[in-house]
Amino acid sequence: MTRFDDEAFDFDLLLAGRIKIGHLLHRYGPAANLISEDFIRAWVLHNIEESGETEKFVPKQFEQARHG
């Protein structure tokens, strides 16, 4: 992770732990009171699931992009 503050968090996608092949940036800020606690919980769960799956699909996408 290269940034984690009140406006955003991000991280680099690395190949072999050292070659940067991508960057993921999440930005956020104040919102109207239309967002419920259920929405926030669902969003957090989505991010946990997404992060857990990243290692399964990013290498495949990288190989497809490399070899066309």
PDB file of N, CA and C in Angstrom:
ATOM      1  N   MET A   1       0.851  -1.160   0.000  1.00  0.00           N
ATOM      2  CA  MET A   1       0.000   0.000   0.000  1.00  0.00           C
ATOM      3  C   MET A   1       0.900   1.227   0.000  1.00  0.00           C
ATOM      4  N   THR A   2       0.552   2.175  -0.854  1.00  0.00           N
ATOM      5  CA  THR A   2       1.358   3.378  -0.926  1.00  0.00           C
ATOM      6  C   THR A   2       0.644   4.600  -0.351  1.00  0.00           C
ATOM      7  N   ARG A   3      -0.681   4.472  -0.162  1.00  0.00           N
ATOM      8  CA  ARG A   3      -1.426   5.592   0.418  1.00  0.00           C
ATOM      9  C   ARG A   3      -2.612   5.050   1.217  1.00  0.00           C
ATOM     10  N   PHE A   4      -2.839   5.664   2.380  1.00  0.00           N
ATOM     11  CA  PHE A   4      -3.993   5.324   3.204  1.00  0.00           C
ATOM     12  C   PHE A   4      -4.285   6.524   4.088  1.00  0.00           C
ATOM     13  N   ASP A   5      -5.266   7.334   3.678  1.00  0.00           N
ATOM     14  CA  ASP A   5      -5.593   8.530   4.433  1.00  0.00           C
ATOM     15  C   ASP A   5      -7.089   8.822   4.323  1.00  0.00           C
ATOM     16  N   ASP A   6      -7.495  10.035   4.650  1.00  0.00           N
ATOM     17  CA  ASP A   6      -8.912  10.397   4.655  1.00  0.00           C
ATOM     18  C   ASP A   6      -9.512  10.548   3.266  1.00  0.00           C
ATOM     19  N   GLU A   7      -8.698  10.502   2.221  1.00  0.00           N
ATOM     20  CA  GLU A   7      -9.189  10.685   0.863  1.00  0.00           C
ATOM     21  C   GLU A   7      -9.069   9.444  -0.014  1.00  0.00           C
ATOM     22  N   ALA A   8      -8.121   8.562   0.296  1.00  0.00           N
ATOM     23  CA  ALA A   8      -7.910   7.420  -0.595  1.00  0.00           C
ATOM     24  C   ALA A   8      -7.023   6.365   0.052  1.00  0.00           C
ATOM     25  N   PHE A   9      -7.103   5.169  -0.526  1.00  0.00           N
ATOM     26  CA  PHE A   9      -6.080   4.168  -0.255  1.00  0.00           C
ATOM     27  C   PHE A   9      -5.776   3.482  -1.568  1.00  0.00           C
ATOM     28  N   ASP A  10      -4.566   3.027  -1.718  1.00  0.00           N
ATOM     29  CA  ASP A  10      -4.170   2.402  -2.971  1.00  0.00           C
ATOM     30  C   ASP A  10      -3.074   1.381  -2.731  1.00  0.00           C
ATOM     31  N   PHE A  11      -2.825   0.610  -3.761  1.00  0.00           N
ATOM     32  CA  PHE A  11      -1.712  -0.326  -3.701  1.00  0.00           C
ATOM     33  C   PHE A  11      -1.273  -0.689  -5.113  1.00  0.00           C
ATOM     34  N   ASP A  12      -0.039  -1.131  -5.233  1.00  0.00           N
ATOM     35  CA  ASP A  12       0.520  -1.556  -6.507  1.00  0.00           C
ATOM     36  C   ASP A  12       0.326  -3.053  -6.675  1.00  0.00           C
ATOM     37  N   LEU A  13       0.121  -3.464  -7.912  1.00  0.00           N
ATOM     38  CA  LEU A  13       0.072  -4.886  -8.254  1.00  0.00           C
ATOM     39  C   LEU A  13       1.454  -5.249  -8.782  1.00  0.00           C
ATOM     40  N   LEU A  14       2.082  -6.203  -8.118  1.00  0.00           N
ATOM     41  CA  LEU A  14       3.459  -6.548  -8.435  1.00  0.00           C
ATOM     42  C   LEU A  14       3.575  -7.959  -8.993  1.00  0.00           C
ATOM     43  N   LEU A  15       4.435  -8.126  -9.964  1.00  0.00           N
ATOM     44  CA  LEU A  15       4.768  -9.433 -10.515  1.00  0.00           C
ATOM     45  C   LEU A  15       6.061  -9.879  -9.852  1.00  0.00           C
ATOM     46  N   ALA A  16       6.061 -11.071  -9.331  1.00  0.00           N
ATOM     47  CA  ALA A  16       7.233 -11.617  -8.635  1.00  0.00           C
ATOM     48  C   ALA A  16       7.660 -10.721  -7.473  1.00  0.00           C
ATOM     49  N   GLY A  17       6.701  -9.973  -6.937  1.00  0.00           N
ATOM     50  CA  GLY A  17       6.975  -9.145  -5.780  1.00  0.00           C
ATOM     51  C   GLY A  17       7.818  -7.911  -6.035  1.00  0.00           C
ATOM     52  N   ARG A  18       8.140  -7.624  -7.310  1.00  0.00           N
ATOM     53  CA  ARG A  18       9.030  -6.485  -7.547  1.00  0.00           C
ATOM     54  C   ARG A  18       8.764  -5.705  -8.831  1.00  0.00           C
ATOM     55  N   ILE A  19       8.033  -6.282  -9.790  1.00  0.00           N
ATOM     56  CA  ILE A  19       7.773  -5.590 -11.057  1.00  0.00           C
ATOM     57  C   ILE A  19       6.343  -5.058 -11.040  1.00  0.00           C
ATOM     58  N   LYS A  20       6.219  -3.748 -11.078  1.00  0.00           N
ATOM     59  CA  LYS A  20       4.893  -3.130 -11.023  1.00  0.00           C
ATOM     60  C   LYS A  20       4.164  -3.358 -12.347  1.00  0.00           C
ATOM     61  N   ILE A  21       2.996  -4.014 -12.252  1.00  0.00           N
ATOM     62  CA  ILE A  21       2.203  -4.266 -13.453  1.00  0.00           C
ATOM     63  C   ILE A  21       0.841  -3.574 -13.387  1.00  0.00           C
ATOM     64  N   GLY A  22       0.540  -2.951 -12.272  1.00  0.00           N
ATOM     65  CA  GLY A  22      -0.725  -2.249 -12.149  1.00  0.00           C
ATOM     66  C   GLY A  22      -0.792  -1.469 -10.855  1.00  0.00           C
ATOM     67  N   HIS A  23      -1.849  -0.692 -10.755  1.00  0.00           N
ATOM     68  CA  HIS A  23      -2.054   0.143  -9.579  1.00  0.00           C
ATOM     69  C   HIS A  23      -3.553   0.244  -9.340  1.00  0.00           C
ATOM     70  N   LEU A  24      -3.983   0.058  -8.121  1.00  0.00           N
ATOM     71  CA  LEU A  24      -5.398   0.149  -7.781  1.00  0.00           C
ATOM     72  C   LEU A  24      -5.587   1.280  -6.789  1.00  0.00           C
ATOM     73  N   LEU A  25      -6.459   2.225  -7.146  1.00  0.00           N
ATOM     74  CA  LEU A  25      -6.701   3.399  -6.316  1.00  0.00           C
ATOM     75  C   LEU A  25      -8.177   3.453  -5.942  1.00  0.00           C
ATOM     76  N   HIS A  26      -8.456   3.556  -4.653  1.00  0.00           N
ATOM     77  CA  HIS A  26      -9.808   3.731  -4.140  1.00  0.00           C
ATOM     78  C   HIS A  26      -9.882   5.135  -3.540  1.00  0.00           C
ATOM     79  N   ARG A  27     -10.752   5.974  -4.079  1.00  0.00           N
ATOM     80  CA  ARG A  27     -10.943   7.328  -3.542  1.00  0.00           C
ATOM     81  C   ARG A  27     -12.286   7.385  -2.834  1.00  0.00           C
ATOM     82  N   TYR A  28     -12.363   8.197  -1.807  1.00  0.00           N
ATOM     83  CA  TYR A  28     -13.612   8.343  -1.079  1.00  0.00           C
ATOM     84  C   TYR A  28     -13.679   9.704  -0.421  1.00  0.00           C
ATOM     85  N   GLY A  29     -14.876  10.088  -0.023  1.00  0.00           N
ATOM     86  CA  GLY A  29     -15.078  11.371   0.619  1.00  0.00           C
ATOM     87  C   GLY A  29     -16.460  11.425   1.237  1.00  0.00           C
ATOM     88  N   PRO A  30     -16.822  12.573   1.754  1.00  0.00           N
ATOM     89  CA  PRO A  30     -18.128  12.720   2.406  1.00  0.00           C
ATOM     90  C   PRO A  30     -19.275  12.392   1.448  1.00  0.00           C
ATOM     91  N   ALA A  31     -20.333  11.858   2.006  1.00  0.00           N
ATOM     92  CA  ALA A  31     -21.514  11.515   1.202  1.00  0.00           C
ATOM     93  C   ALA A  31     -22.756  11.986   1.938  1.00  0.00           C
ATOM     94  N   ALA A  32     -23.811  12.117   1.182  1.00  0.00           N
ATOM     95  CA  ALA A  32     -25.096  12.478   1.789  1.00  0.00           C
ATOM     96  C   ALA A  32     -25.522  11.351   2.734  1.00  0.00           C
ATOM     97  N   ASN A  33     -26.424  11.627   3.609  1.00  0.00           N
ATOM     98  CA  ASN A  33     -26.887  10.631   4.582  1.00  0.00           C
ATOM     99  C   ASN A  33     -27.759   9.548   3.962  1.00  0.00           C
ATOM    100  N   LEU A  34     -27.608   9.317   2.667  1.00  0.00           N
ATOM    101  CA  LEU A  34     -28.399   8.289   1.990  1.00  0.00           C
ATOM    102  C   LEU A  34     -27.762   6.908   2.116  1.00  0.00           C
ATOM    103  N   ILE A  35     -26.542   6.846   2.619  1.00  0.00           N
ATOM    104  CA  ILE A  35     -25.846   5.565   2.712  1.00  0.00           C
ATOM    105  C   ILE A  35     -26.173   4.930   4.059  1.00  0.00           C
ATOM    106  N   SER A  36     -26.697   3.718   3.986  1.00  0.00           N
ATOM    107  CA  SER A  36     -27.108   3.022   5.206  1.00  0.00           C
ATOM    108  C   SER A  36     -25.974   2.164   5.763  1.00  0.00           C
ATOM    109  N   GLU A  37     -26.136   1.720   6.978  1.00  0.00           N
ATOM    110  CA  GLU A  37     -25.153   0.813   7.579  1.00  0.00           C
ATOM    111  C   GLU A  37     -25.100  -0.497   6.801  1.00  0.00           C
ATOM    112  N   ASP A  38     -26.247  -0.973   6.302  1.00  0.00           N
ATOM    113  CA  ASP A  38     -26.262  -2.197   5.481  1.00  0.00           C
ATOM    114  C   ASP A  38     -25.416  -2.017   4.216  1.00  0.00           C
ATOM    115  N   PHE A  39     -25.524  -0.853   3.595  1.00  0.00           N
ATOM    116  CA  PHE A  39     -24.729  -0.573   2.400  1.00  0.00           C
ATOM    117  C   PHE A  39     -23.242  -0.611   2.728  1.00  0.00           C
ATOM    118  N   ILE A  40     -22.863   0.025   3.809  1.00  0.00           N
ATOM    119  CA  ILE A  40     -21.450   0.059   4.212  1.00  0.00           C
ATOM    120  C   ILE A  40     -20.936  -1.343   4.495  1.00  0.00           C
ATOM    121  N   ARG A  41     -21.715  -2.146   5.191  1.00  0.00           N
ATOM    122  CA  ARG A  41     -21.299  -3.530   5.475  1.00  0.00           C
ATOM    123  C   ARG A  41     -21.136  -4.332   4.187  1.00  0.00           C
ATOM    124  N   ALA A  42     -22.070  -4.156   3.243  1.00  0.00           N
ATOM    125  CA  ALA A  42     -21.978  -4.861   1.959  1.00  0.00           C
ATOM    126  C   ALA A  42     -20.740  -4.417   1.186  1.00  0.00           C
ATOM    127  N   TRP A  43     -20.437  -3.122   1.240  1.00  0.00           N
ATOM    128  CA  TRP A  43     -19.263  -2.594   0.542  1.00  0.00           C
ATOM    129  C   TRP A  43     -17.974  -3.156   1.139  1.00  0.00           C
ATOM    130  N   VAL A  44     -17.897  -3.212   2.454  1.00  0.00           N
ATOM    131  CA  VAL A  44     -16.720  -3.781   3.120  1.00  0.00           C
ATOM    132  C   VAL A  44     -16.563  -5.252   2.748  1.00  0.00           C
ATOM    133  N   LEU A  45     -17.654  -6.013   2.783  1.00  0.00           N
ATOM    134  CA  LEU A  45     -17.602  -7.425   2.412  1.00  0.00           C
ATOM    135  C   LEU A  45     -17.134  -7.586   0.964  1.00  0.00           C
ATOM    136  N   HIS A  46     -17.654  -6.756   0.072  1.00  0.00           N
ATOM    137  CA  HIS A  46     -17.237  -6.801  -1.329  1.00  0.00           C
ATOM    138  C   HIS A  46     -15.726  -6.601  -1.448  1.00  0.00           C
ATOM    139  N   ASN A  47     -15.193  -5.623  -0.736  1.00  0.00           N
ATOM    140  CA  ASN A  47     -13.757  -5.354  -0.806  1.00  0.00           C
ATOM    141  C   ASN A  47     -12.929  -6.505  -0.256  1.00  0.00           C
ATOM    142  N   ILE A  48     -13.395  -7.138   0.794  1.00  0.00           N
ATOM    143  CA  ILE A  48     -12.690  -8.304   1.339  1.00  0.00           C
ATOM    144  C   ILE A  48     -12.682  -9.428   0.309  1.00  0.00           C
ATOM    145  N   GLU A  49     -13.834  -9.688  -0.292  1.00  0.00           N
ATOM    146  CA  GLU A  49     -13.924 -10.755  -1.297  1.00  0.00           C
ATOM    147  C   GLU A  49     -13.081 -10.427  -2.522  1.00  0.00           C
ATOM    148  N   GLU A  50     -13.146  -9.177  -2.966  1.00  0.00           N
ATOM    149  CA  GLU A  50     -12.379  -8.750  -4.143  1.00  0.00           C
ATOM    150  C   GLU A  50     -10.884  -8.904  -3.894  1.00  0.00           C
ATOM    151  N   SER A  51     -10.420  -8.463  -2.748  1.00  0.00           N
ATOM    152  CA  SER A  51      -8.996  -8.576  -2.433  1.00  0.00           C
ATOM    153  C   SER A  51      -8.561 -10.028  -2.377  1.00  0.00           C
ATOM    154  N   GLY A  52      -9.410 -10.891  -1.864  1.00  0.00           N
ATOM    155  CA  GLY A  52      -9.073 -12.307  -1.766  1.00  0.00           C
ATOM    156  C   GLY A  52      -9.007 -13.007  -3.106  1.00  0.00           C
ATOM    157  N   GLU A  53      -9.694 -12.463  -4.105  1.00  0.00           N
ATOM    158  CA  GLU A  53      -9.726 -13.082  -5.428  1.00  0.00           C
ATOM    159  C   GLU A  53      -8.680 -12.519  -6.383  1.00  0.00           C
ATOM    160  N   THR A  54      -8.121 -11.366  -6.049  1.00  0.00           N
ATOM    161  CA  THR A  54      -7.191 -10.691  -6.953  1.00  0.00           C
ATOM    162  C   THR A  54      -6.042 -11.592  -7.389  1.00  0.00           C
ATOM    163  N   GLU A  55      -5.480 -12.335  -6.458  1.00  0.00           N
ATOM    164  CA  GLU A  55      -4.324 -13.182  -6.795  1.00  0.00           C
ATOM    165  C   GLU A  55      -4.691 -14.295  -7.768  1.00  0.00           C
ATOM    166  N   LYS A  56      -5.981 -14.588  -7.923  1.00  0.00           N
ATOM    167  CA  LYS A  56      -6.395 -15.640  -8.847  1.00  0.00           C
ATOM    168  C   LYS A  56      -6.531 -15.135 -10.281  1.00  0.00           C
ATOM    169  N   PHE A  57      -6.970 -13.888 -10.468  1.00  0.00           N
ATOM    170  CA  PHE A  57      -7.219 -13.446 -11.839  1.00  0.00           C
ATOM    171  C   PHE A  57      -6.179 -12.486 -12.416  1.00  0.00           C
ATOM    172  N   VAL A  58      -5.460 -11.752 -11.590  1.00  0.00           N
ATOM    173  CA  VAL A  58      -4.488 -10.798 -12.127  1.00  0.00           C
ATOM    174  C   VAL A  58      -3.375 -11.504 -12.910  1.00  0.00           C
ATOM    175  N   PRO A  59      -2.773 -12.578 -12.412  1.00  0.00           N
ATOM    176  CA  PRO A  59      -1.730 -13.247 -13.205  1.00  0.00           C
ATOM    177  C   PRO A  59      -2.250 -13.759 -14.549  1.00  0.00           C
ATOM    178  N   LYS A  60      -3.483 -14.259 -14.581  1.00  0.00           N
ATOM    179  CA  LYS A  60      -4.060 -14.733 -15.855  1.00  0.00           C
ATOM    180  C   LYS A  60      -4.254 -13.587 -16.823  1.00  0.00           C
ATOM    181  N   GLN A  61      -4.748 -12.450 -16.337  1.00  0.00           N
ATOM    182  CA  GLN A  61      -4.924 -11.288 -17.209  1.00  0.00           C
ATOM    183  C   GLN A  61      -3.582 -10.783 -17.724  1.00  0.00           C
ATOM    184  N   PHE A  62      -2.577 -10.799 -16.859  1.00  0.00           N
ATOM    185  CA  PHE A  62      -1.240 -10.355 -17.269  1.00  0.00           C
ATOM    186  C   PHE A  62      -0.698 -11.238 -18.389  1.00  0.00           C
ATOM    187  N   GLU A  63      -0.826 -12.547 -18.236  1.00  0.00           N
ATOM    188  CA  GLU A  63      -0.341 -13.473 -19.270  1.00  0.00           C
ATOM    189  C   GLU A  63      -1.098 -13.302 -20.564  1.00  0.00           C
ATOM    190  N   GLN A  64      -2.395 -13.108 -20.497  1.00  0.00           N
ATOM    191  CA  GLN A  64      -3.187 -12.898 -21.719  1.00  0.00           C
ATOM    192  C   GLN A  64      -2.759 -11.612 -22.409  1.00  0.00           C
ATOM    193  N   ALA A  65      -2.516 -10.563 -21.641  1.00  0.00           N
ATOM    194  CA  ALA A  65      -2.099  -9.288 -22.224  1.00  0.00           C
ATOM    195  C   ALA A  65      -0.705  -9.409 -22.847  1.00  0.00           C
ATOM    196  N   ARG A  66       0.149 -10.178 -22.213  1.00  0.00           N
ATOM    197  CA  ARG A  66       1.518 -10.351 -22.708  1.00  0.00           C
ATOM    198  C   ARG A  66       1.575 -11.132 -24.003  1.00  0.00           C
ATOM    199  N   HIS A  67       0.719 -12.146 -24.133  1.00  0.00           N
ATOM    200  CA  HIS A  67       0.783 -13.046 -25.279  1.00  0.00           C
ATOM    201  C   HIS A  67      -0.327 -12.804 -26.293  1.00  0.00           C
ATOM    202  N   GLY A  68      -1.181 -11.846 -26.009  1.00  0.00           N
ATOM    203  CA  GLY A  68      -2.247 -11.476 -26.940  1.00  0.00           C
ATOM    204  C   GLY A  68      -3.260 -12.536 -27.021  1.00  0.00           C
TER     205      GLY A  68
END
